[in-house]
Protein backbone atom coordinates (compact mmCIF):
# COMPACT_ATOMS: atom_id res chain seq x y z
CA UNK A 1 19.47 9.73 -79.02
CA UNK A 2 16.20 11.32 -79.34
CA UNK A 3 15.14 8.38 -77.51
CA UNK A 4 17.40 8.98 -74.50
CA UNK A 5 16.24 12.33 -74.08
CA UNK A 6 13.09 11.75 -74.08
CA UNK A 7 13.58 8.87 -71.51
CA UNK A 8 15.40 11.22 -69.58
CA UNK A 9 13.34 14.12 -70.08
CA UNK A 10 10.06 11.50 -69.14
CA UNK A 11 12.33 11.05 -65.65
CA UNK A 12 12.37 14.53 -64.87
CA UNK A 13 9.17 14.95 -64.76
CA UNK A 14 7.99 12.47 -62.63
CA UNK A 15 10.78 13.31 -60.07
CA UNK A 16 8.91 16.70 -60.09
CA UNK A 17 5.37 15.03 -59.85
CA UNK A 18 6.54 12.59 -57.03
CA UNK A 19 8.43 15.35 -54.79
CA UNK A 20 5.17 17.37 -55.19
CA UNK A 21 2.69 14.84 -54.48
CA UNK A 22 5.27 14.54 -50.99
CA UNK A 23 5.20 17.91 -50.37
CA UNK A 24 1.82 18.55 -50.50
CA UNK A 25 1.11 15.60 -48.18
CA UNK A 26 3.25 17.26 -46.03
CA UNK A 27 3.13 20.86 -45.93
CA UNK A 28 0.61 23.12 -44.54
CA UNK A 29 1.06 26.15 -47.30
CA UNK A 30 -0.34 29.66 -46.81
CA UNK A 31 -4.27 29.52 -47.60
CA UNK A 32 -4.18 25.70 -47.47
CA UNK A 33 -6.39 23.75 -44.10
CA UNK A 34 -4.67 20.67 -44.48
CA UNK A 35 -3.91 19.56 -41.09
CA UNK A 36 -2.59 16.63 -39.14
CA UNK A 37 -5.76 14.57 -38.38
CA UNK A 38 -3.71 13.72 -34.77
CA UNK A 39 -2.69 17.39 -33.89
CA UNK A 40 -6.61 18.98 -32.45
CA UNK A 41 -5.75 21.93 -30.26
CA UNK A 42 -3.55 24.09 -27.71
CA UNK A 43 -6.08 25.64 -24.90
CA UNK A 44 -3.55 28.65 -25.07
CA UNK A 45 -3.87 31.59 -26.62
CA UNK A 46 -0.31 30.44 -28.66
CA UNK A 47 3.21 29.83 -29.01
CA UNK A 48 2.97 26.28 -27.64
CA UNK A 49 4.34 23.33 -30.06
CA UNK A 50 4.07 19.15 -30.92
CA UNK A 51 6.31 16.65 -32.30
CA UNK A 52 5.09 14.68 -34.70
CA UNK A 53 7.24 11.73 -35.86
CA UNK A 54 6.46 10.02 -39.48
CA UNK A 55 7.92 5.98 -39.36
CA UNK A 56 7.63 5.74 -42.89
CA UNK A 57 9.71 8.52 -44.32
CA UNK A 58 11.66 8.79 -40.52
CA UNK A 59 10.92 12.53 -41.07
CA UNK A 60 9.96 14.88 -37.74
CA UNK A 61 7.56 17.45 -38.04
CA UNK A 62 7.36 20.73 -35.67
CA UNK A 63 4.51 22.50 -35.38
CA UNK A 64 2.90 25.90 -33.68
CA UNK A 65 -0.59 26.48 -32.41
CA UNK A 66 -0.59 29.80 -33.23
CA UNK A 67 -4.45 30.22 -31.10
CA UNK A 68 -6.38 28.85 -34.11
CA UNK A 69 -5.27 25.80 -35.67
CA UNK A 70 -1.56 23.97 -35.41
CA UNK A 71 1.07 24.63 -38.90
CA UNK A 72 4.30 23.37 -39.41
CA UNK A 73 7.13 25.38 -38.96
CA UNK A 74 9.92 22.83 -39.08
CA UNK A 75 11.28 19.30 -40.77
CA UNK A 76 14.08 17.61 -39.74
CA UNK A 77 15.42 14.05 -40.57
CA UNK A 78 15.40 11.12 -38.08
CA UNK A 79 16.06 7.57 -37.29
CA UNK A 80 13.75 5.35 -35.39
CA UNK A 81 13.90 1.39 -34.65
CA UNK A 82 15.51 -0.76 -36.64
CA UNK A 83 12.52 -3.36 -36.17
CA UNK A 84 9.60 -2.16 -38.57
CA UNK A 85 5.51 -1.92 -36.77
CA UNK A 86 4.53 -0.62 -32.72
CA UNK A 87 6.81 -1.40 -30.07
CA UNK A 88 5.03 -4.58 -28.16
CA UNK A 89 7.85 -5.94 -25.88
CA UNK A 90 11.20 -4.89 -24.41
CA UNK A 91 13.97 -5.38 -26.58
CA UNK A 92 12.19 -5.35 -30.03
CA UNK A 93 13.64 -3.18 -31.51
CA UNK A 94 10.73 -0.95 -32.70
CA UNK A 95 9.69 2.60 -31.94
CA UNK A 96 6.24 3.18 -29.54
CA UNK A 97 3.21 4.79 -31.92
CA UNK A 98 1.21 6.75 -29.89
CA UNK A 99 1.13 10.19 -27.88
CA UNK A 100 3.80 10.65 -25.29
CA UNK A 101 5.22 13.31 -22.86
CA UNK A 102 8.39 14.77 -22.49
CA UNK A 103 9.08 14.03 -19.02
CA UNK A 104 12.63 15.21 -18.17
CA UNK A 105 15.84 16.64 -20.01
CA UNK A 106 19.35 15.57 -20.27
CA UNK A 107 22.75 17.37 -21.52
CA UNK A 108 26.04 15.99 -23.38
CA UNK A 109 27.46 16.01 -19.99
CA UNK A 110 24.77 13.84 -18.25
CA UNK A 111 25.30 11.42 -21.54
CA UNK A 112 26.22 8.67 -22.87
CA UNK A 113 28.71 9.32 -26.37
CA UNK A 114 25.78 7.46 -28.00
CA UNK A 115 23.19 10.09 -27.20
CA UNK A 116 24.57 12.67 -28.85
CA UNK A 117 24.36 16.06 -27.23
CA UNK A 118 20.74 16.31 -25.53
CA UNK A 119 17.72 13.86 -25.03
CA UNK A 120 14.62 13.57 -23.47
CA UNK A 121 13.22 10.88 -22.29
CA UNK A 122 9.66 10.24 -23.32
CA UNK A 123 6.76 8.74 -20.53
CA UNK A 124 6.17 5.25 -22.79
CA UNK A 125 4.94 3.29 -21.52
CA UNK A 126 1.08 4.91 -20.88
CA UNK A 127 -1.73 4.00 -19.47
CA UNK A 128 -2.96 2.62 -23.12
CA UNK A 129 0.25 0.86 -23.99
CA UNK A 130 -0.12 -0.88 -20.49
CA UNK A 131 -3.61 -1.99 -20.89
CA UNK A 132 -2.86 -3.24 -24.29
CA UNK A 133 0.25 -5.36 -22.53
CA UNK A 134 3.13 -3.01 -23.99
CA UNK A 135 6.14 -3.25 -22.91
CA UNK A 136 9.22 -1.77 -22.86
CA UNK A 137 11.46 1.53 -21.46
CA UNK A 138 13.29 3.77 -22.08
CA UNK A 139 12.23 5.74 -24.89
CA UNK A 140 14.30 8.65 -25.52
CA UNK A 141 14.35 11.30 -28.35
CA UNK A 142 18.16 12.15 -28.38
CA UNK A 143 20.67 13.50 -30.67
CA UNK A 144 23.57 10.92 -31.74
CA UNK A 145 26.78 10.32 -32.16
CA UNK A 146 27.46 8.78 -35.44
CA UNK A 147 26.46 10.13 -39.08
CA UNK A 148 21.99 9.45 -39.14
CA UNK A 149 20.99 6.79 -40.80
CA UNK A 150 16.85 5.61 -41.51
CA UNK A 151 15.72 2.90 -39.25
CA UNK A 152 19.36 2.32 -37.05
CA UNK A 153 17.82 2.92 -33.36
CA UNK A 154 16.69 0.58 -31.08
CA UNK A 155 13.60 2.30 -30.57
CA UNK A 156 14.19 5.67 -29.75
CA UNK A 157 13.67 8.80 -32.09
CA UNK A 158 17.31 10.25 -33.29
CA UNK A 159 18.34 13.41 -34.45
CA UNK A 160 21.37 14.90 -35.72
CA UNK A 161 23.03 16.54 -32.90
CA UNK A 162 22.38 19.88 -34.10
CA UNK A 163 18.87 18.75 -35.28
CA UNK A 164 18.10 18.22 -31.64
CA UNK A 165 19.51 21.65 -30.47
CA UNK A 166 17.57 23.29 -32.49
CA UNK A 167 14.45 21.30 -31.36
CA UNK A 168 15.01 21.71 -28.06
CA UNK A 169 14.40 25.46 -28.01
CA UNK A 170 10.70 24.63 -28.29
CA UNK A 171 10.13 21.47 -26.27
CA UNK A 172 8.44 22.42 -22.32
CA UNK A 173 8.32 18.98 -20.74
CA UNK A 174 5.02 17.40 -19.61
CA UNK A 175 3.19 19.78 -21.59
CA UNK A 176 4.99 19.49 -25.77
CA UNK A 177 3.49 16.13 -27.24
CA UNK A 178 5.13 14.01 -29.06
CA UNK A 179 3.24 11.72 -31.65
CA UNK A 180 4.91 9.12 -33.36
CA UNK A 181 2.68 6.96 -36.57
CA UNK A 182 3.46 5.31 -39.21
CA UNK A 183 2.35 7.75 -41.82
CA UNK A 184 0.56 10.99 -41.16
CA UNK A 185 -3.20 11.43 -42.09
CA UNK A 186 -4.29 14.98 -42.96
CA UNK A 187 -7.84 16.16 -42.76
CA UNK A 188 -9.16 19.37 -43.84
CA UNK A 189 -11.94 21.71 -42.70
CA UNK A 190 -12.07 23.27 -39.12
CA UNK A 191 -13.23 19.90 -37.29
CA UNK A 192 -10.40 20.55 -35.41
CA UNK A 193 -12.12 23.24 -33.32
CA UNK A 194 -15.63 21.20 -33.28
CA UNK A 195 -14.22 18.64 -31.13
CA UNK A 196 -12.02 21.03 -29.16
CA UNK A 197 -15.27 22.34 -28.00
CA UNK A 198 -17.17 19.27 -27.33
CA UNK A 199 -14.18 17.92 -25.61
CA UNK A 200 -13.41 20.63 -23.73
CA UNK A 201 -17.12 20.76 -22.37
CA UNK A 202 -17.37 17.15 -21.94
CA UNK A 203 -14.08 17.67 -19.76
CA UNK A 204 -16.02 20.59 -17.42
CA UNK A 205 -19.13 18.73 -16.72
CA UNK A 206 -16.95 16.16 -15.84
CA UNK A 207 -15.66 18.32 -13.24
CA UNK A 208 -18.72 19.40 -12.21
CA UNK A 209 -19.89 16.08 -11.49
CA UNK A 210 -16.95 15.46 -9.32
CA UNK A 211 -17.45 18.66 -7.44
CA UNK A 212 -21.26 18.74 -7.24
CA UNK A 213 -23.12 15.61 -8.32
CA UNK A 214 -23.49 12.10 -7.16
CA UNK A 215 -21.39 9.42 -7.12
CA UNK A 216 -23.09 7.63 -10.08
CA UNK A 217 -23.14 10.58 -12.43
CA UNK A 218 -20.35 11.48 -11.79
CA UNK A 219 -19.20 7.58 -13.04
CA UNK A 220 -21.78 8.34 -16.48
CA UNK A 221 -18.37 9.93 -17.80
CA UNK A 222 -16.63 6.98 -18.09
CA UNK A 223 -17.06 4.22 -21.19
CA UNK A 224 -18.65 0.90 -18.90
CA UNK A 225 -15.44 -0.76 -20.07
CA UNK A 226 -13.04 0.56 -18.33
CA UNK A 227 -13.90 1.27 -14.32
CA UNK A 228 -11.32 3.83 -12.06
CA UNK A 229 -10.97 3.94 -8.67
CA UNK A 230 -13.60 4.62 -6.64
CA UNK A 231 -12.61 3.60 -3.35
CA UNK A 232 -11.93 7.03 -2.49
CA UNK A 233 -15.39 8.51 -3.28
CA UNK A 234 -16.96 8.59 0.21
CA UNK A 235 -14.59 10.07 2.07
CA UNK A 236 -14.44 13.32 -0.67
CA UNK A 237 -18.33 12.96 -0.40
CA UNK A 238 -17.45 13.99 3.28
CA UNK A 239 -15.08 16.66 2.95
CA UNK A 240 -16.81 18.23 -0.03
CA UNK A 241 -20.14 18.61 2.43
CA UNK A 242 -17.83 19.81 4.94
CA UNK A 243 -15.84 22.57 3.47
CA UNK A 244 -18.81 23.71 0.56
CA UNK A 245 -20.84 24.26 4.11
CA UNK A 246 -17.75 26.66 5.71
CA UNK A 247 -16.12 29.83 4.99
CA UNK A 248 -13.67 27.33 3.25
CA UNK A 249 -15.20 26.64 0.50
CA UNK A 250 -13.27 25.65 -2.70
CA UNK A 251 -14.06 24.52 -5.73
CA UNK A 252 -11.97 22.69 -8.29
CA UNK A 253 -11.26 23.51 -11.67
CA UNK A 254 -9.56 22.39 -14.69
CA UNK A 255 -7.93 23.81 -17.94
CA UNK A 256 -7.50 21.97 -20.91
CA UNK A 257 -3.98 22.37 -22.11
CA UNK A 258 -3.57 20.51 -24.98
CA UNK A 259 -6.07 17.62 -26.68
CA UNK A 260 -3.95 14.86 -29.26
CA UNK A 261 -5.96 12.04 -31.04
CA UNK A 262 -4.49 8.71 -32.03
CA UNK A 263 -6.80 6.38 -33.45
CA UNK A 264 -9.44 7.44 -32.61
CA UNK A 265 -8.66 8.11 -28.63
CA UNK A 266 -8.25 11.55 -28.12
CA UNK A 267 -5.64 11.92 -25.75
CA UNK A 268 -5.91 15.38 -23.24
CA UNK A 269 -4.21 17.25 -21.30
CA UNK A 270 -5.63 18.85 -18.01
CA UNK A 271 -4.41 20.92 -15.42
CA UNK A 272 -6.25 21.15 -12.28
CA UNK A 273 -6.13 23.26 -9.51
CA UNK A 274 -8.33 23.34 -6.08
CA UNK A 275 -9.12 26.90 -5.58
CA UNK A 276 -9.91 28.65 -2.30
CA UNK A 277 -10.97 31.73 -1.48
CA UNK A 278 -6.95 32.38 -0.12
CA UNK A 279 -4.85 30.90 -2.87
CA UNK A 280 -5.02 28.12 -5.54
CA UNK A 281 -3.39 24.43 -4.99
CA UNK A 282 -2.40 22.77 -8.16
CA UNK A 283 -3.36 18.87 -8.05
CA UNK A 284 -1.05 18.06 -10.95
CA UNK A 285 -1.57 17.64 -14.57
CA UNK A 286 -3.56 14.50 -16.03
CA UNK A 287 -3.97 13.02 -19.02
CA UNK A 288 -7.37 11.53 -19.48
CA UNK A 289 -8.01 9.24 -22.55
CA UNK A 290 -11.45 10.04 -24.30
CA UNK A 291 -13.10 7.97 -26.53
CA UNK A 292 -16.83 8.35 -29.36
CA UNK A 293 -18.68 5.20 -27.96
CA UNK A 294 -22.07 5.09 -29.57
CA UNK A 295 -21.84 8.94 -30.56
CA UNK A 296 -21.05 9.54 -26.96
CA UNK A 297 -17.76 10.71 -25.57
CA UNK A 298 -17.18 8.49 -22.82
CA UNK A 299 -13.46 7.90 -20.86
CA UNK A 300 -11.21 5.05 -21.04
CA UNK A 301 -8.49 5.68 -18.95
CA UNK A 302 -7.40 8.59 -16.68
CA UNK A 303 -3.22 9.10 -15.46
CA UNK A 304 -1.37 11.56 -13.77
CA UNK A 305 1.68 12.73 -15.71
CA UNK A 306 3.21 14.80 -13.31
CA UNK A 307 2.32 16.35 -9.50
CA UNK A 308 2.40 19.99 -8.76
CA UNK A 309 6.00 19.11 -6.93
CA UNK A 310 7.13 18.28 -10.58
CA UNK A 311 7.59 14.64 -8.92
CA UNK A 312 6.23 11.04 -10.76
CA UNK A 313 3.06 9.61 -8.54
CA UNK A 314 3.09 6.00 -7.15
CA UNK A 315 0.32 4.63 -7.66
CA UNK A 316 -1.07 5.10 -4.08
CA UNK A 317 -0.94 9.32 -3.33
CA UNK A 318 -2.12 9.02 -7.33
CA UNK A 319 -5.53 7.70 -5.83
CA UNK A 320 -5.71 10.12 -3.13
CA UNK A 321 -4.38 13.08 -4.44
CA UNK A 322 -7.36 15.26 -4.25
CA UNK A 323 -8.13 13.68 -0.98
CA UNK A 324 -4.16 14.56 0.42
CA UNK A 325 -4.88 17.88 -1.17
CA UNK A 326 -8.38 19.10 0.04
CA UNK A 327 -7.38 17.77 3.60
CA UNK A 328 -4.03 20.34 3.32
CA UNK A 329 -6.44 23.04 3.45
CA UNK A 330 -7.62 22.58 7.07
CA UNK A 331 -4.43 22.48 7.86
CA UNK A 332 -3.56 25.44 6.29
CA UNK A 333 -6.93 27.87 6.66
CA UNK A 334 -8.44 24.95 8.72
CA UNK A 335 -6.90 26.61 11.99
CA UNK A 336 -7.97 30.49 10.70
CA UNK A 337 -11.42 29.22 10.32
CA UNK A 338 -11.37 27.70 14.09
CA UNK A 339 -9.94 30.98 15.12
CA UNK A 340 -12.60 33.39 12.97
CA UNK A 341 -15.77 30.76 14.81
CA UNK A 342 -13.90 31.80 18.54
CA UNK A 343 -13.70 35.31 17.87
CA UNK A 344 -17.39 35.43 16.81
CA UNK A 345 -18.58 33.38 19.87
CA UNK A 346 -16.45 35.54 22.14
CA UNK A 347 -18.16 38.22 21.05
CA UNK A 348 -21.58 36.42 21.14
CA UNK A 349 -21.18 35.56 24.06
CA UNK A 350 -19.85 38.78 25.62
CA UNK A 351 -22.68 40.96 24.05
CA UNK A 352 -25.19 38.39 25.09
CA UNK A 353 -23.63 38.47 29.01
CA UNK A 354 -23.45 34.50 29.06
CA UNK A 355 -20.25 34.32 31.26
CA UNK A 356 -20.44 30.61 30.93
CA UNK A 357 -19.86 30.54 27.50
CA UNK A 358 -17.50 33.91 27.27
CA UNK A 359 -15.04 31.26 30.08
CA UNK A 360 -14.51 29.38 27.75
CA UNK A 361 -12.94 31.43 24.99
CA UNK A 362 -9.71 32.07 27.00
CA UNK A 363 -7.07 29.26 28.24
CA UNK A 364 -6.31 28.73 32.25
CA UNK A 365 -3.01 30.64 31.76
CA UNK A 366 -5.22 33.69 31.23
CA UNK A 367 -3.15 37.32 32.43
CA UNK A 368 -4.98 40.01 31.44
CA UNK A 369 -3.42 43.44 30.45
CA UNK A 370 -3.41 44.40 33.77
CA UNK A 371 -2.34 41.59 35.37
CA UNK A 372 -5.14 40.03 36.14
CA UNK A 373 -5.60 36.49 36.48
CA UNK A 374 -8.79 34.26 34.57
CA UNK A 375 -10.90 33.70 37.88
CA UNK A 376 -10.65 37.47 38.85
CA UNK A 377 -10.91 38.44 35.24
CA UNK A 378 -13.68 36.58 34.87
CA UNK A 379 -15.47 38.41 38.38
CA UNK A 380 -14.71 41.09 36.55
CA UNK A 381 -16.60 40.66 33.49
CA UNK A 382 -19.24 39.00 35.46
CA UNK A 383 -19.57 42.20 37.68
CA UNK A 384 -20.21 44.48 34.59
CA UNK A 385 -22.66 42.32 33.12
CA UNK A 386 -24.92 43.09 36.43
CA UNK A 387 -24.12 46.43 36.15
CA UNK A 388 -24.91 47.59 32.55
CA UNK A 389 -28.91 46.76 31.45
CA UNK A 390 -27.06 46.08 27.87
CA UNK A 391 -23.70 45.13 26.24
CA UNK A 392 -23.38 45.28 21.80
CA UNK A 393 -19.78 44.33 21.27
CA UNK A 394 -18.99 44.32 17.65
CA UNK A 395 -15.47 44.16 15.14
CA UNK A 396 -14.19 45.55 11.88
CA UNK A 397 -11.01 44.98 10.09
CA UNK A 398 -10.29 41.14 11.49
CA UNK A 399 -6.98 39.90 11.23
CA UNK A 400 -5.49 36.67 11.62
CA UNK A 401 -1.65 35.84 12.09
CA UNK A 402 -0.94 32.06 12.76
CA UNK A 403 1.96 30.09 13.62
CA UNK A 404 1.91 26.84 14.81
CA UNK A 405 0.18 26.85 18.20
CA UNK A 406 0.02 30.62 18.22
CA UNK A 407 -1.50 33.04 16.69
CA UNK A 408 -2.21 36.61 17.13
CA UNK A 409 -5.91 38.95 16.44
CA UNK A 410 -6.30 42.39 15.55
CA UNK A 411 -9.25 44.31 15.04
CA UNK A 412 -10.99 47.67 15.87
CA UNK A 413 -13.48 46.35 18.48
CA UNK A 414 -16.59 48.81 19.42
CA UNK A 415 -18.21 48.23 23.24
CA UNK A 416 -21.78 49.88 23.88
CA UNK A 417 -23.25 49.56 26.75
CA UNK A 418 -26.14 51.74 28.77
CA UNK A 419 -23.29 53.46 30.62
CA UNK A 420 -20.36 53.60 28.65
CA UNK A 421 -18.45 53.51 25.13
CA UNK A 422 -15.52 53.19 23.31
CA UNK A 423 -13.70 52.45 20.34
CA UNK A 424 -10.38 50.19 20.68
CA UNK A 425 -7.83 48.38 18.87
CA UNK A 426 -7.50 44.83 20.26
CA UNK A 427 -5.04 42.44 19.77
CA UNK A 428 -5.70 38.64 21.27
CA UNK A 429 -2.71 36.54 21.47
CA UNK A 430 -4.30 32.96 21.14
CA UNK A 431 -2.32 29.11 22.09
CA UNK A 432 -3.61 25.63 20.92
CA UNK A 433 -4.32 22.83 22.91
CA UNK A 434 -5.75 19.69 21.94
CA UNK A 435 -7.13 21.01 18.71
CA UNK A 436 -8.87 24.29 20.35
CA UNK A 437 -7.42 27.60 20.35
CA UNK A 438 -8.37 29.94 23.27
CA UNK A 439 -7.51 33.42 24.36
CA UNK A 440 -4.44 33.59 26.80
CA UNK A 441 -3.62 37.53 26.40
CA UNK A 442 -5.93 40.76 25.53
CA UNK A 443 -4.40 44.39 25.10
CA UNK A 444 -6.48 46.81 24.32
CA UNK A 445 -5.76 50.34 22.87
CA UNK A 446 -8.10 53.52 22.74
CA UNK A 447 -8.13 55.00 19.31
């Protein structure tokens, strides 16, 4: 009897110890600096979330980034693939391991019953999976229409319907990572902050090379075993030289939004933007895979997760998205710049009494405010050039309103000559032919 009681007490004690060890290895309580090694940082001030799936214990953990570090805020039972190990081929009933992102969300009415009340497809296979020869598709996180059992899926991550409904509130498509591992490794200290700073600095220098440096300097940020497609560089070099020397100057800016890690490779999510003085052009969200090679960070892969229009890119437009966007600057702002150049040429020619250059600024069908044809208008202007010793024209508050092939330009015009002075509100109506803007109406109102 005594021995039986002793054995029961010993068993209870061992159960308590086991539970304590499990909790300590999975729980980030107040005051502890333990964190999952795969969660590094979020680029926001807080309220970003990350999901970690531990296949070994069939648990899903939800973490919140508070602006300084990730902290666990919830955990759920889950079910992964029937077969153990990382997914490698289609149909092997294994759950992949790595850093992934959710690309879509399906609700109950859109789903077959087997997927429960909600489902989130992931971007498996990612770049690293493809170069490693891992294939397969349709790896989702979803609910279920049956009792949840450990290791009972075809490779997806399944949860009870009530749990996936709770979890769905914390998911942002193409932003919230789901990191799947066999066993979570924990680390201590503030190494995550140092790593995040190092990676951010590396990427900002890489971006600066894209914007300002040479082809060779740009490639120095890549691992020699990974050669990115660089066929677009000559065209890019021409575009940036042309645009940076004009009033349409742009900058390429990045925002680091998520830094995660799996098996020594950092998976970094960045938002890319082409910025001009007029507005921003989002390029999209890009995944960059970075590894430390001989104590130096190097890019070992990259791919767009999503373009700014939320459409998954094809290989062709993925290669040229930067080129395409920068060419759009010409379509969007190039005409305005051409119009400003026309007005500047017109003002200079008028002030210099250069009737030949002045005439080139007008369309052949020009009609003046008083009804004069272009020929008669130029005769009148040539007469004034001879009449006055000097003419000086200046403009202020230039406003350009552009339509497809017509534009309206307004400004305050100050005219000073040896015999006359006026300040007027001037409006020019322009027409574009053959890619060249010309003046075809000119209206003045004294101020």
